């Protein structure tokens, strides 16, 4: 890398590869999800991801660059790790929790990559590029927050309840169930 612009272009190519890998992974995750909210979140984010790819193509036009020719190995690893969940069996809420964990790792990777690239574009005075990247950062943050809310409000409590019903009726389990129930009803 001889310049900040070269680094930014390399990052954009990496993001383009990452987003295209997600276009293939998200439908599989949506299909595996049991929670209707989670299915909708994955389906909605698929549409957003299509928009992210289009934005990156807009950026390529602005900068007069080709985004092909690079593979995002980090996303490849995250998608591969997440695909392990697709082969797992278990209570629906536990599998959904695992899917959310995998998806949130992807979101955090994307947020870091887009934020870094956004900073480069700002530093280089590429305001149009920076604005497009900022839109995507905002959508990635919103997707992560939505996944977090689904996990906290629906999926993890259900996973915890299924675990407690398997533990039997000992006093400790009943105490945890009562606390969990009180915490949920307080929300």
N, C-alpha and C. Protein backbone atom coordinates (compact mmCIF):
# COMPACT_ATOMS: atom_id res chain seq x y z
N UNK A 1 0.84 -1.17 0.00
CA UNK A 1 0.00 0.00 0.00
C UNK A 1 0.89 1.24 0.00
N UNK A 2 0.80 1.99 -1.06
CA UNK A 2 1.62 3.19 -1.17
C UNK A 2 0.90 4.46 -0.75
N UNK A 3 -0.43 4.37 -0.60
CA UNK A 3 -1.17 5.58 -0.25
C UNK A 3 -2.46 5.22 0.49
N UNK A 4 -3.02 6.22 1.15
CA UNK A 4 -4.29 6.03 1.84
C UNK A 4 -5.39 5.69 0.84
N UNK A 5 -5.32 6.28 -0.35
CA UNK A 5 -6.33 5.96 -1.37
C UNK A 5 -6.26 4.49 -1.77
N UNK A 6 -5.05 3.98 -1.95
CA UNK A 6 -4.90 2.55 -2.28
C UNK A 6 -5.46 1.66 -1.18
N UNK A 7 -5.21 2.05 0.05
CA UNK A 7 -5.74 1.29 1.18
C UNK A 7 -7.27 1.33 1.17
N UNK A 8 -7.84 2.51 0.93
CA UNK A 8 -9.29 2.64 0.90
C UNK A 8 -9.88 1.78 -0.22
N UNK A 9 -9.27 1.79 -1.37
CA UNK A 9 -9.76 0.97 -2.49
C UNK A 9 -9.69 -0.51 -2.13
N UNK A 10 -8.60 -0.92 -1.48
CA UNK A 10 -8.46 -2.31 -1.06
C UNK A 10 -9.56 -2.68 -0.06
N UNK A 11 -9.85 -1.78 0.87
CA UNK A 11 -10.92 -2.01 1.85
C UNK A 11 -12.29 -2.09 1.17
N UNK A 12 -12.52 -1.25 0.18
CA UNK A 12 -13.78 -1.29 -0.56
C UNK A 12 -13.96 -2.61 -1.29
N UNK A 13 -12.88 -3.12 -1.87
CA UNK A 13 -12.94 -4.42 -2.54
C UNK A 13 -13.25 -5.53 -1.54
N UNK A 14 -12.65 -5.43 -0.37
CA UNK A 14 -12.88 -6.40 0.70
C UNK A 14 -14.35 -6.37 1.12
N UNK A 15 -14.89 -5.16 1.30
CA UNK A 15 -16.29 -5.02 1.69
C UNK A 15 -17.23 -5.55 0.61
N UNK A 16 -16.88 -5.31 -0.63
CA UNK A 16 -17.71 -5.80 -1.74
C UNK A 16 -17.77 -7.33 -1.73
N UNK A 17 -16.63 -7.95 -1.52
CA UNK A 17 -16.59 -9.41 -1.40
C UNK A 17 -17.41 -9.88 -0.20
N UNK A 18 -17.24 -9.20 0.92
CA UNK A 18 -17.95 -9.58 2.15
C UNK A 18 -19.47 -9.51 1.95
N UNK A 19 -19.93 -8.42 1.37
CA UNK A 19 -21.37 -8.26 1.18
C UNK A 19 -21.93 -9.32 0.22
N UNK A 20 -21.18 -9.64 -0.82
CA UNK A 20 -21.64 -10.67 -1.75
C UNK A 20 -21.67 -12.05 -1.11
N UNK A 21 -20.76 -12.31 -0.19
CA UNK A 21 -20.82 -13.58 0.55
C UNK A 21 -22.07 -13.63 1.44
N UNK A 22 -22.41 -12.49 2.01
CA UNK A 22 -23.60 -12.43 2.87
C UNK A 22 -24.88 -12.64 2.08
N UNK A 23 -24.90 -12.17 0.84
CA UNK A 23 -26.09 -12.38 0.01
C UNK A 23 -26.42 -13.87 -0.13
N UNK A 24 -25.40 -14.70 -0.06
CA UNK A 24 -25.62 -16.15 -0.15
C UNK A 24 -25.95 -16.76 1.21
N UNK A 25 -25.41 -16.20 2.28
CA UNK A 25 -25.58 -16.78 3.61
C UNK A 25 -26.91 -16.42 4.27
N UNK A 26 -27.37 -15.20 4.10
CA UNK A 26 -28.56 -14.74 4.82
C UNK A 26 -29.83 -15.56 4.51
N UNK A 27 -30.08 -15.96 3.26
CA UNK A 27 -31.28 -16.78 3.03
C UNK A 27 -31.24 -18.12 3.78
N UNK A 28 -30.05 -18.69 3.91
CA UNK A 28 -29.91 -19.95 4.64
C UNK A 28 -30.18 -19.75 6.12
N UNK A 29 -29.72 -18.62 6.65
CA UNK A 29 -29.96 -18.33 8.06
C UNK A 29 -31.45 -18.08 8.31
N UNK A 30 -32.09 -17.36 7.41
CA UNK A 30 -33.52 -17.09 7.54
C UNK A 30 -34.31 -18.39 7.51
N UNK A 31 -33.90 -19.31 6.66
CA UNK A 31 -34.60 -20.59 6.54
C UNK A 31 -34.45 -21.41 7.82
N UNK A 32 -33.30 -21.35 8.46
CA UNK A 32 -33.04 -22.14 9.67
C UNK A 32 -33.72 -21.54 10.90
N UNK A 33 -33.91 -20.22 10.92
CA UNK A 33 -34.48 -19.55 12.09
C UNK A 33 -35.91 -20.03 12.35
N UNK A 34 -36.23 -20.19 13.63
CA UNK A 34 -37.59 -20.58 14.03
C UNK A 34 -38.43 -19.37 14.40
N UNK A 35 -37.82 -18.39 15.01
CA UNK A 35 -38.52 -17.18 15.43
C UNK A 35 -38.95 -16.39 14.20
N UNK A 36 -40.23 -16.00 14.18
CA UNK A 36 -40.70 -15.21 13.04
C UNK A 36 -40.02 -13.84 13.00
N UNK A 37 -39.74 -13.26 14.18
CA UNK A 37 -39.04 -11.98 14.21
C UNK A 37 -37.63 -12.11 13.64
N UNK A 38 -36.97 -13.22 13.97
CA UNK A 38 -35.61 -13.44 13.49
C UNK A 38 -35.62 -13.68 11.98
N UNK A 39 -36.57 -14.47 11.50
CA UNK A 39 -36.70 -14.68 10.05
C UNK A 39 -36.86 -13.34 9.33
N UNK A 40 -37.75 -12.48 9.88
CA UNK A 40 -37.98 -11.17 9.28
C UNK A 40 -36.73 -10.30 9.33
N UNK A 41 -35.98 -10.40 10.43
CA UNK A 41 -34.74 -9.60 10.54
C UNK A 41 -33.74 -10.04 9.48
N UNK A 42 -33.59 -11.33 9.29
CA UNK A 42 -32.65 -11.82 8.28
C UNK A 42 -33.11 -11.46 6.88
N UNK A 43 -34.40 -11.60 6.61
CA UNK A 43 -34.94 -11.26 5.30
C UNK A 43 -34.81 -9.76 5.02
N UNK A 44 -35.11 -8.96 6.03
CA UNK A 44 -34.95 -7.51 5.88
C UNK A 44 -33.51 -7.11 5.66
N UNK A 45 -32.61 -7.77 6.38
CA UNK A 45 -31.20 -7.42 6.22
C UNK A 45 -30.66 -7.90 4.87
N UNK A 46 -31.26 -8.94 4.32
CA UNK A 46 -30.89 -9.37 2.97
C UNK A 46 -31.17 -8.24 1.98
N UNK A 47 -32.33 -7.62 2.10
CA UNK A 47 -32.66 -6.49 1.21
C UNK A 47 -31.69 -5.34 1.43
N UNK A 48 -31.36 -5.06 2.69
CA UNK A 48 -30.39 -4.00 2.98
C UNK A 48 -29.02 -4.34 2.40
N UNK A 49 -28.64 -5.61 2.49
CA UNK A 49 -27.34 -6.04 1.95
C UNK A 49 -27.29 -5.84 0.45
N UNK A 50 -28.40 -6.10 -0.23
CA UNK A 50 -28.46 -5.82 -1.67
C UNK A 50 -28.22 -4.33 -1.90
N UNK A 51 -28.78 -3.50 -1.03
CA UNK A 51 -28.54 -2.05 -1.12
C UNK A 51 -27.10 -1.68 -0.83
N UNK A 52 -26.45 -2.40 0.08
CA UNK A 52 -25.04 -2.14 0.38
C UNK A 52 -24.17 -2.43 -0.83
N UNK A 53 -24.49 -3.51 -1.52
CA UNK A 53 -23.75 -3.85 -2.74
C UNK A 53 -23.94 -2.75 -3.78
N UNK A 54 -25.15 -2.27 -3.95
CA UNK A 54 -25.42 -1.19 -4.91
C UNK A 54 -24.67 0.08 -4.53
N UNK A 55 -24.64 0.38 -3.22
CA UNK A 55 -23.89 1.56 -2.78
C UNK A 55 -22.41 1.42 -3.09
N UNK A 56 -21.88 0.24 -2.85
CA UNK A 56 -20.46 0.01 -3.15
C UNK A 56 -20.21 0.17 -4.65
N UNK A 57 -21.15 -0.27 -5.46
CA UNK A 57 -21.02 -0.09 -6.91
C UNK A 57 -21.08 1.40 -7.27
N UNK A 58 -21.92 2.17 -6.57
CA UNK A 58 -21.96 3.63 -6.79
C UNK A 58 -20.59 4.23 -6.45
N UNK A 59 -20.03 3.79 -5.35
CA UNK A 59 -18.72 4.28 -4.93
C UNK A 59 -17.67 3.95 -5.97
N UNK A 60 -17.74 2.73 -6.52
CA UNK A 60 -16.79 2.33 -7.56
C UNK A 60 -16.88 3.24 -8.77
N UNK A 61 -18.11 3.64 -9.11
CA UNK A 61 -18.30 4.56 -10.24
C UNK A 61 -17.71 5.92 -9.91
N UNK A 62 -17.98 6.42 -8.70
CA UNK A 62 -17.44 7.72 -8.29
C UNK A 62 -15.92 7.73 -8.35
N UNK A 63 -15.31 6.65 -7.84
CA UNK A 63 -13.84 6.59 -7.76
C UNK A 63 -13.20 6.02 -9.02
N UNK A 64 -14.04 5.55 -9.96
CA UNK A 64 -13.55 4.93 -11.19
C UNK A 64 -12.61 3.76 -10.89
N UNK A 65 -13.15 2.81 -10.10
CA UNK A 65 -12.38 1.62 -9.73
C UNK A 65 -13.20 0.37 -10.02
N UNK A 66 -12.52 -0.78 -10.04
CA UNK A 66 -13.15 -2.08 -10.18
C UNK A 66 -13.11 -2.75 -8.81
N UNK A 67 -14.25 -3.22 -8.33
CA UNK A 67 -14.31 -3.82 -7.01
C UNK A 67 -14.03 -5.32 -6.99
N UNK A 68 -13.88 -5.91 -8.14
CA UNK A 68 -13.65 -7.35 -8.21
C UNK A 68 -12.21 -7.72 -7.90
N UNK A 69 -11.98 -9.01 -7.81
CA UNK A 69 -10.62 -9.51 -7.70
C UNK A 69 -10.08 -9.72 -6.31
N UNK A 70 -10.89 -9.50 -5.29
CA UNK A 70 -10.42 -9.72 -3.92
C UNK A 70 -11.46 -10.54 -3.18
N UNK A 71 -10.96 -11.44 -2.33
CA UNK A 71 -11.85 -12.24 -1.49
C UNK A 71 -11.66 -11.83 -0.04
N UNK A 72 -12.76 -11.57 0.64
CA UNK A 72 -12.70 -11.22 2.05
C UNK A 72 -12.62 -12.51 2.86
N UNK A 73 -11.41 -12.81 3.32
CA UNK A 73 -11.19 -14.06 4.06
C UNK A 73 -11.81 -13.99 5.46
N UNK A 74 -11.87 -12.81 6.03
CA UNK A 74 -12.51 -12.67 7.34
C UNK A 74 -13.99 -13.04 7.26
N UNK A 75 -14.68 -12.51 6.26
CA UNK A 75 -16.10 -12.84 6.11
C UNK A 75 -16.27 -14.31 5.77
N UNK A 76 -15.37 -14.83 4.97
CA UNK A 76 -15.43 -16.25 4.63
C UNK A 76 -15.40 -17.09 5.91
N UNK A 77 -14.52 -16.73 6.84
CA UNK A 77 -14.42 -17.45 8.10
C UNK A 77 -15.66 -17.27 8.96
N UNK A 78 -16.18 -16.04 9.02
CA UNK A 78 -17.38 -15.79 9.81
C UNK A 78 -18.58 -16.54 9.24
N UNK A 79 -18.71 -16.57 7.93
CA UNK A 79 -19.81 -17.28 7.29
C UNK A 79 -19.66 -18.78 7.52
N UNK A 80 -18.43 -19.27 7.41
CA UNK A 80 -18.19 -20.70 7.64
C UNK A 80 -18.53 -21.08 9.08
N UNK A 81 -18.10 -20.26 10.02
CA UNK A 81 -18.42 -20.52 11.42
C UNK A 81 -19.93 -20.49 11.64
N UNK A 82 -20.59 -19.52 11.06
CA UNK A 82 -22.04 -19.42 11.19
C UNK A 82 -22.77 -20.58 10.54
N UNK A 83 -22.21 -21.11 9.47
CA UNK A 83 -22.87 -22.21 8.77
C UNK A 83 -22.85 -23.50 9.60
N UNK A 84 -21.94 -23.57 10.58
CA UNK A 84 -21.93 -24.73 11.47
C UNK A 84 -23.25 -24.82 12.23
N UNK A 85 -23.84 -23.68 12.55
CA UNK A 85 -25.12 -23.65 13.26
C UNK A 85 -26.22 -24.26 12.39
N UNK A 86 -26.11 -24.09 11.08
CA UNK A 86 -27.14 -24.60 10.17
C UNK A 86 -27.25 -26.11 10.23
N UNK A 87 -26.17 -26.77 10.63
CA UNK A 87 -26.16 -28.23 10.70
C UNK A 87 -26.50 -28.76 12.09
N UNK A 88 -26.69 -27.87 13.05
CA UNK A 88 -26.96 -28.27 14.43
C UNK A 88 -28.43 -28.57 14.64
N UNK A 89 -28.67 -29.47 15.59
CA UNK A 89 -30.02 -29.76 16.05
C UNK A 89 -30.09 -29.36 17.51
N UNK A 90 -31.26 -29.00 17.95
CA UNK A 90 -31.47 -28.63 19.35
C UNK A 90 -32.76 -27.85 19.47
N UNK A 91 -33.05 -27.40 20.69
CA UNK A 91 -34.26 -26.60 20.86
C UNK A 91 -34.22 -25.37 19.95
N UNK A 92 -35.36 -25.04 19.38
CA UNK A 92 -35.44 -23.93 18.42
C UNK A 92 -34.82 -22.64 18.95
N UNK A 93 -35.15 -22.30 20.19
CA UNK A 93 -34.65 -21.04 20.75
C UNK A 93 -33.13 -21.05 20.93
N UNK A 94 -32.58 -22.21 21.22
CA UNK A 94 -31.12 -22.32 21.36
C UNK A 94 -30.46 -22.14 20.00
N UNK A 95 -31.01 -22.76 18.97
CA UNK A 95 -30.47 -22.61 17.61
C UNK A 95 -30.61 -21.15 17.17
N UNK A 96 -31.75 -20.54 17.45
CA UNK A 96 -31.94 -19.13 17.10
C UNK A 96 -30.93 -18.24 17.82
N UNK A 97 -30.64 -18.56 19.07
CA UNK A 97 -29.63 -17.80 19.82
C UNK A 97 -28.27 -17.93 19.16
N UNK A 98 -27.94 -19.12 18.71
CA UNK A 98 -26.66 -19.34 18.02
C UNK A 98 -26.62 -18.58 16.70
N UNK A 99 -27.74 -18.57 15.97
CA UNK A 99 -27.80 -17.82 14.72
C UNK A 99 -27.60 -16.32 14.96
N UNK A 100 -28.21 -15.82 16.02
CA UNK A 100 -28.06 -14.40 16.35
C UNK A 100 -26.60 -14.10 16.69
N UNK A 101 -25.96 -14.97 17.45
CA UNK A 101 -24.56 -14.77 17.79
C UNK A 101 -23.69 -14.70 16.55
N UNK A 102 -23.92 -15.61 15.63
CA UNK A 102 -23.15 -15.62 14.38
C UNK A 102 -23.41 -14.35 13.57
N UNK A 103 -24.67 -13.96 13.49
CA UNK A 103 -25.03 -12.76 12.72
C UNK A 103 -24.46 -11.50 13.35
N UNK A 104 -24.45 -11.43 14.66
CA UNK A 104 -23.92 -10.23 15.33
C UNK A 104 -22.40 -10.14 15.15
N UNK A 105 -21.71 -11.27 15.11
CA UNK A 105 -20.27 -11.22 14.83
C UNK A 105 -20.03 -10.64 13.44
N UNK A 106 -20.86 -11.03 12.49
CA UNK A 106 -20.76 -10.48 11.13
C UNK A 106 -21.02 -8.98 11.15
N UNK A 107 -22.07 -8.56 11.85
CA UNK A 107 -22.41 -7.13 11.91
C UNK A 107 -21.27 -6.31 12.51
N UNK A 108 -20.66 -6.83 13.55
CA UNK A 108 -19.57 -6.09 14.19
C UNK A 108 -18.35 -6.00 13.28
N UNK A 109 -18.07 -7.05 12.54
CA UNK A 109 -16.98 -7.00 11.56
C UNK A 109 -17.29 -5.93 10.51
N UNK A 110 -18.51 -5.96 10.00
CA UNK A 110 -18.89 -4.99 8.96
C UNK A 110 -18.83 -3.56 9.49
N UNK A 111 -19.34 -3.34 10.71
CA UNK A 111 -19.31 -1.99 11.27
C UNK A 111 -17.88 -1.48 11.37
N UNK A 112 -16.97 -2.33 11.84
CA UNK A 112 -15.57 -1.92 11.96
C UNK A 112 -14.98 -1.59 10.59
N UNK A 113 -15.25 -2.43 9.61
CA UNK A 113 -14.69 -2.22 8.28
C UNK A 113 -15.28 -0.96 7.62
N UNK A 114 -16.59 -0.80 7.72
CA UNK A 114 -17.21 0.39 7.12
C UNK A 114 -16.78 1.67 7.83
N UNK A 115 -16.68 1.63 9.16
CA UNK A 115 -16.24 2.83 9.91
C UNK A 115 -14.82 3.23 9.50
N UNK A 116 -13.93 2.25 9.40
CA UNK A 116 -12.55 2.54 9.00
C UNK A 116 -12.49 3.14 7.60
N UNK A 117 -13.23 2.54 6.68
CA UNK A 117 -13.24 3.01 5.30
C UNK A 117 -13.89 4.39 5.21
N UNK A 118 -14.92 4.60 5.99
CA UNK A 118 -15.58 5.91 6.05
C UNK A 118 -14.57 6.98 6.49
N UNK A 119 -13.78 6.67 7.50
CA UNK A 119 -12.77 7.61 7.99
C UNK A 119 -11.74 7.94 6.92
N UNK A 120 -11.35 6.93 6.14
CA UNK A 120 -10.39 7.17 5.05
C UNK A 120 -10.99 8.09 4.00
N UNK A 121 -12.25 7.84 3.65
CA UNK A 121 -12.91 8.67 2.64
C UNK A 121 -13.01 10.12 3.12
N UNK A 122 -13.35 10.31 4.39
CA UNK A 122 -13.40 11.67 4.94
C UNK A 122 -12.03 12.34 4.88
N UNK A 123 -11.01 11.60 5.30
CA UNK A 123 -9.65 12.15 5.31
C UNK A 123 -9.20 12.56 3.92
N UNK A 124 -9.62 11.79 2.92
CA UNK A 124 -9.23 12.07 1.54
C UNK A 124 -10.13 13.12 0.88
N UNK A 125 -11.14 13.59 1.60
CA UNK A 125 -12.03 14.60 1.05
C UNK A 125 -13.05 14.06 0.07
N UNK A 126 -13.29 12.75 0.10
CA UNK A 126 -14.29 12.11 -0.76
C UNK A 126 -15.64 12.13 -0.05
N UNK A 127 -16.25 13.31 -0.01
CA UNK A 127 -17.48 13.48 0.77
C UNK A 127 -18.63 12.61 0.28
N UNK A 128 -18.79 12.47 -1.04
CA UNK A 128 -19.87 11.64 -1.57
C UNK A 128 -19.69 10.19 -1.15
N UNK A 129 -18.45 9.71 -1.20
CA UNK A 129 -18.14 8.34 -0.79
C UNK A 129 -18.39 8.19 0.70
N UNK A 130 -17.95 9.15 1.49
CA UNK A 130 -18.13 9.10 2.94
C UNK A 130 -19.61 9.04 3.31
N UNK A 131 -20.44 9.81 2.62
CA UNK A 131 -21.88 9.80 2.91
C UNK A 131 -22.50 8.45 2.61
N UNK A 132 -22.12 7.85 1.50
CA UNK A 132 -22.64 6.52 1.15
C UNK A 132 -22.21 5.48 2.18
N UNK A 133 -20.95 5.56 2.60
CA UNK A 133 -20.45 4.61 3.60
C UNK A 133 -21.14 4.81 4.95
N UNK A 134 -21.41 6.06 5.30
CA UNK A 134 -22.08 6.35 6.56
C UNK A 134 -23.50 5.78 6.59
N UNK A 135 -24.19 5.83 5.46
CA UNK A 135 -25.53 5.23 5.38
C UNK A 135 -25.46 3.75 5.72
N UNK A 136 -24.46 3.07 5.19
CA UNK A 136 -24.32 1.64 5.44
C UNK A 136 -23.95 1.38 6.89
N UNK A 137 -23.06 2.19 7.44
CA UNK A 137 -22.70 2.04 8.87
C UNK A 137 -23.97 2.12 9.71
N UNK A 138 -24.81 3.09 9.44
CA UNK A 138 -26.04 3.26 10.21
C UNK A 138 -26.96 2.05 10.09
N UNK A 139 -27.07 1.50 8.89
CA UNK A 139 -27.91 0.31 8.70
C UNK A 139 -27.34 -0.90 9.40
N UNK A 140 -26.02 -1.05 9.39
CA UNK A 140 -25.39 -2.19 10.07
C UNK A 140 -25.60 -2.07 11.58
N UNK A 141 -25.48 -0.86 12.12
CA UNK A 141 -25.71 -0.65 13.55
C UNK A 141 -27.16 -0.97 13.90
N UNK A 142 -28.09 -0.54 13.07
CA UNK A 142 -29.51 -0.81 13.32
C UNK A 142 -29.79 -2.31 13.27
N UNK A 143 -29.18 -3.01 12.33
CA UNK A 143 -29.36 -4.46 12.22
C UNK A 143 -28.84 -5.15 13.48
N UNK A 144 -27.68 -4.72 13.96
CA UNK A 144 -27.11 -5.30 15.16
C UNK A 144 -28.02 -5.05 16.36
N UNK A 145 -28.54 -3.84 16.49
CA UNK A 145 -29.43 -3.52 17.60
C UNK A 145 -30.72 -4.34 17.53
N UNK A 146 -31.22 -4.56 16.33
CA UNK A 146 -32.43 -5.35 16.16
C UNK A 146 -32.18 -6.80 16.59
N UNK A 147 -31.04 -7.35 16.18
CA UNK A 147 -30.69 -8.72 16.57
C UNK A 147 -30.54 -8.82 18.09
N UNK A 148 -29.91 -7.83 18.68
CA UNK A 148 -29.73 -7.80 20.14
C UNK A 148 -31.09 -7.81 20.84
N UNK A 149 -32.01 -6.99 20.36
CA UNK A 149 -33.34 -6.90 20.97
C UNK A 149 -34.09 -8.23 20.84
N UNK A 150 -34.02 -8.84 19.68
CA UNK A 150 -34.69 -10.13 19.48
C UNK A 150 -34.10 -11.17 20.43
N UNK A 151 -32.79 -11.16 20.57
CA UNK A 151 -32.14 -12.11 21.48
C UNK A 151 -32.60 -11.88 22.92
N UNK A 152 -32.55 -10.64 23.37
CA UNK A 152 -32.86 -10.33 24.77
C UNK A 152 -34.35 -10.47 25.10
N UNK A 153 -35.20 -10.06 24.18
CA UNK A 153 -36.63 -10.00 24.48
C UNK A 153 -37.37 -11.31 24.18
N UNK A 154 -36.87 -12.10 23.25
CA UNK A 154 -37.62 -13.28 22.83
C UNK A 154 -36.80 -14.57 22.90
N UNK A 155 -35.71 -14.60 22.20
CA UNK A 155 -35.03 -15.87 21.94
C UNK A 155 -34.30 -16.42 23.17
N UNK A 156 -33.49 -15.61 23.83
CA UNK A 156 -32.76 -16.13 24.99
C UNK A 156 -33.67 -16.47 26.16
N UNK A 157 -34.71 -15.67 26.45
CA UNK A 157 -35.63 -16.12 27.50
C UNK A 157 -36.27 -17.47 27.17
N UNK A 158 -36.64 -17.66 25.92
CA UNK A 158 -37.22 -18.95 25.52
C UNK A 158 -36.19 -20.07 25.63
N UNK A 159 -34.95 -19.79 25.27
CA UNK A 159 -33.89 -20.81 25.39
C UNK A 159 -33.67 -21.15 26.86
N UNK A 160 -33.70 -20.15 27.70
CA UNK A 160 -33.52 -20.36 29.14
C UNK A 160 -34.69 -21.16 29.71
N UNK A 161 -35.90 -20.85 29.28
CA UNK A 161 -37.08 -21.58 29.76
C UNK A 161 -37.02 -23.04 29.36
N UNK A 162 -36.56 -23.33 28.13
CA UNK A 162 -36.48 -24.73 27.69
C UNK A 162 -35.43 -25.47 28.48
N UNK A 163 -34.36 -24.79 28.85
CA UNK A 163 -33.30 -25.40 29.65
C UNK A 163 -33.80 -25.69 31.06
N UNK A 164 -34.54 -24.74 31.63
CA UNK A 164 -35.05 -24.91 32.98
C UNK A 164 -36.04 -26.05 33.06
N UNK A 165 -36.86 -26.24 32.03
CA UNK A 165 -37.83 -27.33 32.06
C UNK A 165 -37.13 -28.68 31.96
N UNK A 166 -35.94 -28.71 31.39
CA UNK A 166 -35.18 -29.96 31.31
C UNK A 166 -34.45 -30.26 32.62
N UNK A 167 -34.19 -29.23 33.44
CA UNK A 167 -33.41 -29.39 34.66
C UNK A 167 -34.18 -30.10 35.76
N UNK A 168 -35.48 -30.17 35.67
CA UNK A 168 -36.25 -30.82 36.73
C UNK A 168 -36.84 -29.80 37.66
N UNK A 169 -37.32 -30.28 38.79
CA UNK A 169 -38.04 -29.42 39.71
C UNK A 169 -37.27 -29.12 40.98
N UNK A 170 -35.96 -29.15 40.94
CA UNK A 170 -35.24 -28.85 42.17
C UNK A 170 -35.42 -27.38 42.54
N UNK A 171 -35.12 -27.04 43.79
CA UNK A 171 -35.37 -25.69 44.28
C UNK A 171 -34.60 -24.63 43.53
N UNK A 172 -33.34 -24.92 43.17
CA UNK A 172 -32.52 -23.93 42.46
C UNK A 172 -33.14 -23.58 41.11
N UNK A 173 -33.60 -24.60 40.39
CA UNK A 173 -34.22 -24.38 39.09
C UNK A 173 -35.50 -23.56 39.25
N UNK A 174 -36.32 -23.89 40.24
CA UNK A 174 -37.55 -23.14 40.45
C UNK A 174 -37.25 -21.70 40.81
N UNK A 175 -36.23 -21.47 41.59
CA UNK A 175 -35.84 -20.11 41.94
C UNK A 175 -35.41 -19.31 40.72
N UNK A 176 -34.61 -19.93 39.84
CA UNK A 176 -34.18 -19.25 38.62
C UNK A 176 -35.37 -18.95 37.73
N UNK A 177 -36.28 -19.90 37.61
CA UNK A 177 -37.46 -19.70 36.76
C UNK A 177 -38.30 -18.55 37.28
N UNK A 178 -38.47 -18.47 38.59
CA UNK A 178 -39.26 -17.39 39.18
C UNK A 178 -38.57 -16.04 38.93
N UNK A 179 -37.27 -15.98 39.11
CA UNK A 179 -36.53 -14.73 38.85
C UNK A 179 -36.66 -14.34 37.38
N UNK A 180 -36.49 -15.34 36.49
CA UNK A 180 -36.57 -15.07 35.05
C UNK A 180 -37.96 -14.55 34.69
N UNK A 181 -38.98 -15.17 35.25
CA UNK A 181 -40.35 -14.76 34.97
C UNK A 181 -40.61 -13.35 35.48
N UNK A 182 -40.14 -13.04 36.70
CA UNK A 182 -40.32 -11.70 37.25
C UNK A 182 -39.60 -10.67 36.39
N UNK A 183 -38.40 -11.00 35.94
CA UNK A 183 -37.61 -10.05 35.12
C UNK A 183 -38.34 -9.76 33.81
N UNK A 184 -38.91 -10.81 33.19
CA UNK A 184 -39.62 -10.60 31.93
C UNK A 184 -40.90 -9.82 32.13
N UNK A 185 -41.60 -10.08 33.20
CA UNK A 185 -42.86 -9.36 33.42
C UNK A 185 -42.61 -7.91 33.82
N UNK A 186 -41.43 -7.62 34.34
CA UNK A 186 -41.10 -6.25 34.71
C UNK A 186 -40.80 -5.38 33.50
N UNK A 187 -40.52 -6.00 32.35
CA UNK A 187 -40.17 -5.25 31.13
C UNK A 187 -41.33 -4.57 30.54
